[in-house]
Protein backbone atom coordinates (compact mmCIF):
# COMPACT_ATOMS: atom_id res chain seq x y z
CA MET A 1 127.31 146.57 24.09
CA ARG A 2 124.44 145.01 26.41
CA ILE A 3 121.33 147.04 26.96
CA ILE A 4 117.81 146.95 28.64
CA LEU A 5 114.98 147.90 26.49
CA PRO A 6 111.76 150.23 28.22
CA SER A 7 110.33 146.64 29.11
CA GLY A 8 113.15 145.62 31.04
CA THR A 9 114.37 142.84 28.38
CA PRO A 10 118.29 142.71 27.54
CA ALA A 11 119.32 143.21 24.07
CA GLU A 12 122.98 143.31 23.16
CA ILE A 13 123.28 146.14 19.95
CA HIS A 14 126.35 146.99 18.12
CA ARG A 15 126.20 150.59 16.71
CA VAL A 16 127.39 151.37 12.71
CA GLU A 17 128.07 155.07 12.76
CA GLY A 18 126.38 156.84 10.28
CA SER A 19 124.48 154.22 9.00
CA SER A 20 120.36 154.39 8.25
CA ARG A 21 119.67 150.91 8.10
CA GLY A 22 119.03 148.66 11.73
CA LEU A 23 118.64 145.06 12.05
CA VAL A 24 116.65 143.46 14.54
CA VAL A 25 117.79 140.12 15.76
CA PHE A 26 115.54 137.22 17.41
CA PRO A 27 117.57 134.40 18.76
CA ASP A 28 117.20 130.85 18.53
CA ILE A 29 115.63 129.47 21.70
CA PHE A 30 118.89 128.76 23.67
CA GLY A 31 118.58 133.16 23.52
CA LEU A 32 121.59 135.97 24.09
CA ARG A 33 124.88 134.52 24.40
CA PRO A 34 128.41 134.78 23.54
CA LEU A 35 127.29 132.76 19.65
CA PHE A 36 124.54 136.11 19.12
CA ASP A 37 126.84 138.51 20.22
CA ASP A 38 129.25 137.75 18.37
CA LEU A 39 126.52 137.64 15.56
CA VAL A 40 125.48 140.72 16.04
CA ARG A 41 128.82 142.15 15.91
CA GLN A 42 129.51 140.80 12.78
CA LEU A 43 126.34 141.09 10.60
CA ALA A 44 126.83 144.72 11.43
CA GLN A 45 130.72 145.10 10.11
CA ASP A 46 129.20 142.75 7.30
CA TRP A 47 125.96 144.60 6.56
CA GLY A 48 126.70 147.92 7.36
CA MET A 49 123.75 147.79 9.53
CA THR A 50 123.09 149.51 13.78
CA THR A 51 122.45 145.39 14.97
CA ILE A 52 120.32 144.97 17.91
CA ALA A 53 119.93 141.03 19.36
CA VAL A 54 116.87 140.67 22.13
CA GLU A 55 116.46 138.11 24.80
CA PRO A 56 113.21 135.74 24.25
CA PHE A 57 112.97 134.82 27.99
CA PRO A 58 113.85 137.75 29.81
CA GLY A 59 113.14 136.97 33.71
CA HIS A 60 113.58 133.14 33.29
CA VAL A 61 116.87 131.30 34.36
CA PHE A 62 116.86 128.05 33.13
CA GLY A 63 119.91 124.53 33.68
CA THR A 64 121.18 122.79 30.95
CA ASP A 65 118.37 120.81 30.06
CA ALA A 66 116.80 122.76 26.85
CA ASN A 67 113.24 120.91 27.41
CA GLU A 68 113.28 123.78 30.40
CA ARG A 69 112.78 126.42 27.35
CA PHE A 70 110.79 124.10 25.06
CA ALA A 71 108.66 123.56 27.63
CA GLN A 72 108.65 127.46 28.92
CA VAL A 73 107.29 128.73 24.71
CA SER A 74 103.86 128.27 25.37
CA SER A 75 103.39 131.08 28.20
CA LEU A 76 105.45 133.65 26.22
CA SER A 77 103.32 136.20 25.03
CA ASP A 78 103.09 137.53 21.20
CA VAL A 79 102.07 140.89 22.56
CA ASP A 80 105.22 141.59 25.00
CA LYS A 81 107.82 139.47 22.31
CA MET A 82 106.25 142.17 19.65
CA ARG A 83 106.63 145.10 22.24
CA ASP A 84 110.40 143.91 22.68
CA LEU A 85 110.81 143.82 18.59
CA MET A 86 109.56 147.38 18.34
CA GLU A 87 111.09 148.61 21.09
CA ALA A 88 114.39 147.43 19.90
CA ALA A 89 113.77 148.68 16.61
CA ASP A 90 113.31 152.18 17.99
CA ALA A 91 116.75 151.83 19.84
CA THR A 92 118.70 150.98 16.34
CA GLN A 93 117.91 155.18 16.11
CA CYS A 94 117.32 153.72 12.11
CA SER A 95 114.98 155.29 9.54
CA SER A 96 114.71 152.04 7.93
CA VAL A 97 115.12 148.63 10.31
CA ALA A 98 115.06 144.85 8.69
CA MET A 99 113.88 142.07 10.89
CA ILE A 100 116.36 138.37 10.86
CA GLY A 101 115.76 135.43 13.13
CA PHE A 102 116.55 131.54 13.85
CA CYS A 103 114.57 128.64 14.65
CA MET A 104 112.03 130.11 16.86
CA GLY A 105 113.44 133.59 16.04
CA GLY A 106 112.81 132.65 12.73
CA MET A 107 109.05 131.60 13.96
CA TYR A 108 108.59 135.48 15.43
CA CYS A 109 110.47 136.71 12.24
CA HIS A 110 106.57 135.23 11.03
CA LYS A 111 104.69 137.14 13.37
CA ALA A 112 106.48 139.83 13.21
CA VAL A 113 104.66 140.54 9.31
CA GLN A 114 101.57 141.56 10.81
CA THR A 115 103.25 144.96 13.18
CA HIS A 116 104.36 146.47 9.38
CA ARG A 117 107.38 147.60 11.42
CA PHE A 118 110.44 145.79 9.31
CA SER A 119 111.03 146.71 5.99
CA LYS A 120 112.75 143.04 4.95
CA ILE A 121 112.94 140.13 6.64
CA VAL A 122 114.27 136.77 6.83
CA SER A 123 113.28 134.26 8.99
CA PHE A 124 115.89 131.38 8.95
CA TYR A 125 114.04 127.77 9.52
CA GLY A 126 111.01 129.41 11.59
CA MET A 127 108.72 127.13 12.63
CA ILE A 128 105.46 127.73 10.29
CA ARG A 129 102.41 126.65 12.48
CA LEU A 130 102.84 126.68 15.75
CA PRO A 131 103.92 123.06 17.00
CA GLU A 132 101.22 120.93 19.65
CA ALA A 133 103.16 121.79 22.75
CA TRP A 134 103.56 125.50 22.10
CA ARG A 135 99.77 126.18 21.26
CA SER A 136 98.49 128.38 24.24
CA ALA A 137 95.74 131.35 23.93
CA CYS A 138 98.99 133.67 24.24
CA GLN A 139 100.59 132.52 20.94
CA SER A 140 99.25 133.22 18.15
CA GLU A 141 99.21 131.24 14.15
CA PRO A 142 102.47 132.50 12.60
CA LEU A 143 100.71 131.49 9.00
CA GLU A 144 97.86 134.10 9.91
CA CYS A 145 100.13 136.97 11.31
CA LEU A 146 101.52 136.76 7.48
CA VAL A 147 98.36 136.81 5.91
CA ALA A 148 97.87 139.99 7.72
CA GLY A 149 100.68 141.82 6.94
CA ASP A 150 103.26 141.85 3.52
CA ALA A 151 104.30 137.98 3.26
CA SER A 152 105.96 138.38 0.17
CA SER A 153 108.60 141.26 2.51
CA VAL A 154 109.90 137.83 3.89
CA LEU A 155 112.61 135.60 2.79
CA ALA A 156 112.35 132.03 3.84
CA ILE A 157 116.16 129.75 4.55
CA ILE A 158 114.72 126.46 4.54
CA GLY A 159 116.08 122.90 5.15
CA ASP A 160 114.09 120.16 3.46
CA LYS A 161 115.47 117.32 6.13
CA ASP A 162 114.17 120.39 8.76
CA THR A 163 111.51 118.16 11.00
CA TRP A 164 109.92 121.34 12.10
CA THR A 165 109.35 122.31 8.52
CA PRO A 166 107.68 119.53 7.26
CA PRO A 167 107.14 119.95 3.39
CA GLU A 168 102.95 121.11 3.49
CA ASP A 169 104.24 123.84 5.92
CA VAL A 170 106.63 124.87 3.58
CA GLN A 171 104.06 125.28 0.60
CA ALA A 172 101.42 126.57 2.92
CA LEU A 173 104.26 129.62 2.85
CA ALA A 174 104.87 129.70 -0.54
CA GLU A 175 101.36 130.12 -0.95
CA SER A 176 100.81 133.01 1.01
CA GLY A 177 103.82 135.15 -0.55
CA VAL A 178 107.05 134.13 1.14
CA ARG A 179 110.00 133.84 -1.05
CA VAL A 180 111.60 130.46 0.10
CA GLN A 181 114.60 129.67 -0.47
CA ARG A 182 115.45 126.03 0.37
CA TYR A 183 118.30 123.35 1.01
CA ALA A 184 118.22 119.74 -0.50
CA ASP A 185 120.09 118.48 2.49
CA GLY A 186 119.54 120.92 5.45
CA GLU A 187 118.20 120.00 8.89
CA HIS A 188 116.95 122.44 11.32
CA GLY A 189 119.77 124.81 12.51
CA PHE A 190 122.05 123.87 9.82
CA ALA A 191 123.55 127.74 8.97
CA HIS A 192 123.65 129.25 12.20
CA ASP A 193 125.60 127.81 14.82
CA VAL A 194 128.96 125.76 13.63
CA ALA A 195 128.95 124.06 16.82
CA ARG A 196 125.63 122.03 15.65
CA PRO A 197 126.69 118.42 14.20
CA ALA A 198 123.79 120.04 11.59
CA HIS A 199 125.96 123.04 10.51
CA ARG A 200 126.72 122.55 6.40
CA VAL A 201 129.80 125.23 5.40
CA ALA A 202 128.75 126.10 1.99
CA ASP A 203 124.72 126.07 2.44
CA ALA A 204 125.84 128.17 5.43
CA ALA A 205 127.71 130.69 3.70
CA ASP A 206 125.24 130.84 0.66
CA ALA A 207 122.23 131.61 2.78
CA PHE A 208 123.99 134.27 5.00
CA LEU A 209 124.73 135.62 1.49
CA SER A 210 121.18 135.69 0.26
CA ALA A 211 119.72 137.40 3.45
CA GLY A 212 122.63 140.20 3.40
CA LYS A 213 121.12 140.72 -0.46
CA TRP A 214 117.92 140.17 0.56
CA LEU A 215 117.80 143.20 3.79
CA ARG A 216 119.79 145.57 2.27
CA SER A 217 117.63 145.64 -1.09
């Protein structure tokens, strides 16, 4: 079900009757769409958590060229994104709320650690350092946010062939206290979208199994 957060940001929520656990989902750069509507429902049913996904680009209309979205990331404000995540957590009406994110959303998982709002966090192939094109005064460094919070609350799912998460960044992530789970043949986006050429069925199933155990532990 679509709802509008107090900020005006759209969100998709699936409630689990009687559950005391909530889950906030931050999508990839392509935002809320049928893929994430289905994922919200599936995670809620599989994990028994009231689940909500937030739109990363509220108020923006994009064409089919993905470069339009990539060019817009530097203008996103961490203050606004953290506000939306907090409002989404409140919307679950649950006493304990976890978080999961994918790609750009995984990067925001790292940043959300500093809020101390989420009991456990899973970042799927989230950027560990800001890509050069995304740097701006309103974008903070993910690693610095991790240090400001409890990095040990984070499980990072990483593909060793992912050019967005180079080995030196993955090493820094592990040294910050994050638990890193690596997949030797995984490329960027290998788990959450079966339509991607990079999708790996067995690795995706294993990664989501680990994610569910982590978030509910």
